[in-house]
Amino acid sequence: MDSGKRSQLVDKLGEPFEAGKCGEDCLPEILDMYAAFSPKAVTQGLPPTDEKARRVWIEHLFRIADNFAAWKSNRVVGHCALIKDMERLDAEYLIFVLGPLQNRGIGTVLTEIAVRYGVLLGLKDLWLTVEAYNFRAIRMYKNAGFQFCDECDRERTMLKRL
């Protein structure tokens, strides 16, 4: 699967970026983004700290999920994926945005793109897990319509009905 058309956007600071569907042709760019990502392996061991394990994880995502990315100055700065279960009509959602570019609306845009794509696929729900103390991510997820659906201490599950 090749990448789709990229939308031209502006972040909260007025700086341009692009976002859209990405395919295996984006693998080198995605690998570069995760190599620069910090901190690694904070949530559920993702992204993996080991370079080989990280590559295997990303290649696996490209096989099983629909992937989307954000580009700034022609380099990937954010990545999200929908891991679909078409029998249940739901998908696990995961997203990573490089630290210096967080809180600029890039994650929100990627989430909106993934949600729209999920609706087009006929999915009924998106779900995710998030560290209970990742308040920045939780705020973004809540603003996107995700709600908590469990009471765990360390990681929380959130659900968005489509």
Protein backbone atom coordinates (compact mmCIF):
# COMPACT_ATOMS: atom_id res chain seq x y z
CA MET A 1 0.00 0.00 0.00
CA ASP A 2 1.42 3.36 -1.00
CA SER A 3 0.93 6.66 0.72
CA GLY A 4 -2.09 8.73 -0.10
CA LYS A 5 -2.55 12.43 -0.68
CA ARG A 6 -1.20 14.66 2.07
CA SER A 7 -3.22 17.54 3.47
CA GLN A 8 -1.42 20.87 3.86
CA LEU A 9 -2.02 22.19 7.39
CA VAL A 10 -0.80 24.71 9.93
CA ASP A 11 -0.02 23.87 13.58
CA LYS A 12 -0.96 25.97 16.64
CA LEU A 13 2.19 28.07 16.17
CA GLY A 14 1.29 28.86 12.56
CA GLU A 15 3.97 26.56 11.14
CA PRO A 16 3.14 24.35 8.14
CA PHE A 17 2.97 20.57 8.23
CA GLU A 18 1.39 17.82 6.17
CA ALA A 19 -0.66 14.81 7.24
CA GLY A 20 -2.15 11.81 5.51
CA LYS A 21 -2.23 8.07 4.99
CA CYS A 22 1.15 6.41 4.71
CA GLY A 23 2.21 3.06 3.37
CA GLU A 24 5.30 0.91 3.32
CA ASP A 25 7.00 3.47 1.10
CA CYS A 26 7.22 5.63 4.25
CA LEU A 27 9.02 2.95 6.26
CA PRO A 28 12.45 4.67 6.24
CA GLU A 29 10.89 7.96 7.40
CA ILE A 30 8.88 6.25 10.13
CA LEU A 31 12.00 4.37 11.32
CA ASP A 32 13.87 7.70 11.51
CA MET A 33 11.08 9.25 13.56
CA TYR A 34 11.05 6.42 16.08
CA ALA A 35 14.86 6.45 16.30
CA ALA A 36 14.56 10.08 17.43
CA PHE A 37 11.56 9.45 19.70
CA SER A 38 12.12 9.93 23.42
CA PRO A 39 11.42 8.45 25.85
CA LYS A 40 11.19 4.99 24.35
CA ALA A 41 9.40 2.00 25.84
CA VAL A 42 7.42 4.04 28.36
CA THR A 43 3.98 2.62 27.57
CA GLN A 44 3.63 -1.11 26.98
CA GLY A 45 7.27 -1.18 25.88
CA LEU A 46 6.55 1.08 22.90
CA PRO A 47 8.30 2.21 20.90
CA PRO A 48 10.87 -0.53 21.49
CA THR A 49 14.30 0.67 22.60
CA ASP A 50 16.18 -1.90 20.54
CA GLU A 51 16.61 -0.82 16.91
CA LYS A 52 15.93 -4.28 15.46
CA ALA A 53 12.85 -4.81 17.65
CA ARG A 54 11.61 -1.33 16.71
CA ARG A 55 11.93 -2.17 12.99
CA VAL A 56 10.07 -5.49 13.45
CA TRP A 57 7.29 -3.66 15.38
CA ILE A 58 6.91 -0.98 12.70
CA GLU A 59 6.99 -3.48 9.83
CA HIS A 60 4.31 -5.48 11.67
CA LEU A 61 2.16 -2.34 11.98
CA PHE A 62 2.42 -1.79 8.24
CA ARG A 63 1.19 -5.36 7.65
CA ILE A 64 -1.75 -5.34 10.07
CA ALA A 65 -2.85 -1.70 10.41
CA ASP A 66 -3.84 1.39 8.50
CA ASN A 67 -1.10 3.94 9.11
CA PHE A 68 -1.08 7.74 9.00
CA ALA A 69 1.72 10.24 9.44
CA ALA A 70 2.48 13.91 9.89
CA TRP A 71 5.42 15.49 8.07
CA LYS A 72 7.23 18.70 8.88
CA SER A 73 10.05 19.86 6.60
CA ASN A 74 9.79 16.52 4.74
CA ARG A 75 10.42 14.37 7.80
CA VAL A 76 7.89 12.33 9.76
CA VAL A 77 7.13 13.91 13.13
CA GLY A 78 4.04 11.91 14.05
CA HIS A 79 2.61 8.46 13.35
CA CYS A 80 -0.66 6.79 14.21
CA ALA A 81 -2.26 3.49 13.33
CA LEU A 82 -5.61 1.75 13.39
CA ILE A 83 -5.32 -1.96 14.10
CA LYS A 84 -8.68 -3.16 12.85
CA ASP A 85 -10.82 -6.09 13.93
CA MET A 86 -13.47 -6.18 11.21
CA GLU A 87 -15.40 -8.97 12.93
CA ARG A 88 -15.92 -6.76 15.98
CA LEU A 89 -16.01 -3.57 13.87
CA ASP A 90 -13.49 -1.87 16.13
CA ALA A 91 -9.86 -0.88 16.06
CA GLU A 92 -7.08 -0.25 18.51
CA TYR A 93 -5.67 3.24 18.04
CA LEU A 94 -2.09 4.19 18.75
CA ILE A 95 -0.28 7.47 18.21
CA PHE A 96 3.17 8.94 18.77
CA VAL A 97 4.29 12.52 18.12
CA LEU A 98 7.86 13.69 18.63
CA GLY A 99 8.19 15.49 21.97
CA PRO A 100 9.20 18.95 20.73
CA LEU A 101 6.16 19.00 18.42
CA GLN A 102 3.58 17.85 20.96
CA ASN A 103 0.86 20.26 22.08
CA ARG A 104 0.80 21.91 18.65
CA GLY A 105 -2.29 20.20 17.23
CA ILE A 106 -0.44 17.57 15.18
CA GLY A 107 -1.75 14.68 17.29
CA THR A 108 -5.25 16.11 17.10
CA VAL A 109 -5.08 16.24 13.31
CA LEU A 110 -3.75 12.68 13.07
CA THR A 111 -6.53 11.51 15.39
CA GLU A 112 -9.18 13.28 13.31
CA ILE A 113 -7.84 11.65 10.13
CA ALA A 114 -7.84 8.20 11.75
CA VAL A 115 -11.37 8.68 13.11
CA ARG A 116 -12.69 9.75 9.68
CA TYR A 117 -11.00 6.73 8.12
CA GLY A 118 -12.53 4.43 10.76
CA VAL A 119 -15.98 5.81 9.95
CA LEU A 120 -15.39 5.19 6.22
CA LEU A 121 -14.45 1.58 7.02
CA GLY A 122 -17.69 1.12 8.94
CA LEU A 123 -16.02 0.70 12.32
CA LYS A 124 -18.21 1.22 15.39
CA ASP A 125 -15.53 1.88 18.02
CA LEU A 126 -11.92 2.94 18.46
CA TRP A 127 -10.09 2.12 21.67
CA LEU A 128 -6.68 2.84 23.12
CA THR A 129 -4.64 2.46 26.25
CA VAL A 130 -2.85 5.37 27.85
CA GLU A 131 -0.67 5.81 30.93
CA ALA A 132 -2.88 7.15 33.73
CA TYR A 133 -0.49 10.08 34.26
CA ASN A 134 -0.08 11.10 30.61
CA PHE A 135 -2.33 14.09 31.12
CA ARG A 136 -1.43 15.80 27.84
CA ALA A 137 -2.44 12.73 25.81
CA ILE A 138 -5.56 12.15 27.91
CA ARG A 139 -6.68 15.75 27.32
CA MET A 140 -6.23 15.31 23.55
CA TYR A 141 -8.10 11.99 23.58
CA LYS A 142 -10.97 13.46 25.61
CA ASN A 143 -11.17 16.43 23.22
CA ALA A 144 -11.42 13.90 20.36
CA GLY A 145 -14.36 12.19 22.07
CA PHE A 146 -12.64 9.25 23.79
CA GLN A 147 -13.95 8.32 27.24
CA PHE A 148 -12.50 6.16 29.99
CA CYS A 149 -14.03 2.70 30.17
CA ASP A 150 -12.02 1.15 33.04
CA GLU A 151 -10.63 1.92 36.49
CA CYS A 152 -7.01 0.72 36.33
CA ASP A 153 -4.27 2.54 38.21
CA ARG A 154 -1.34 2.52 35.78
CA GLU A 155 -2.87 2.28 32.31
CA ARG A 156 -6.34 3.32 31.31
CA THR A 157 -8.46 2.19 28.41
CA MET A 158 -10.39 4.80 26.49
CA LEU A 159 -13.14 4.26 23.93
CA LYS A 160 -14.63 6.38 21.17
CA ARG A 161 -17.93 5.35 19.65
CA LEU A 162 -18.11 6.14 15.95
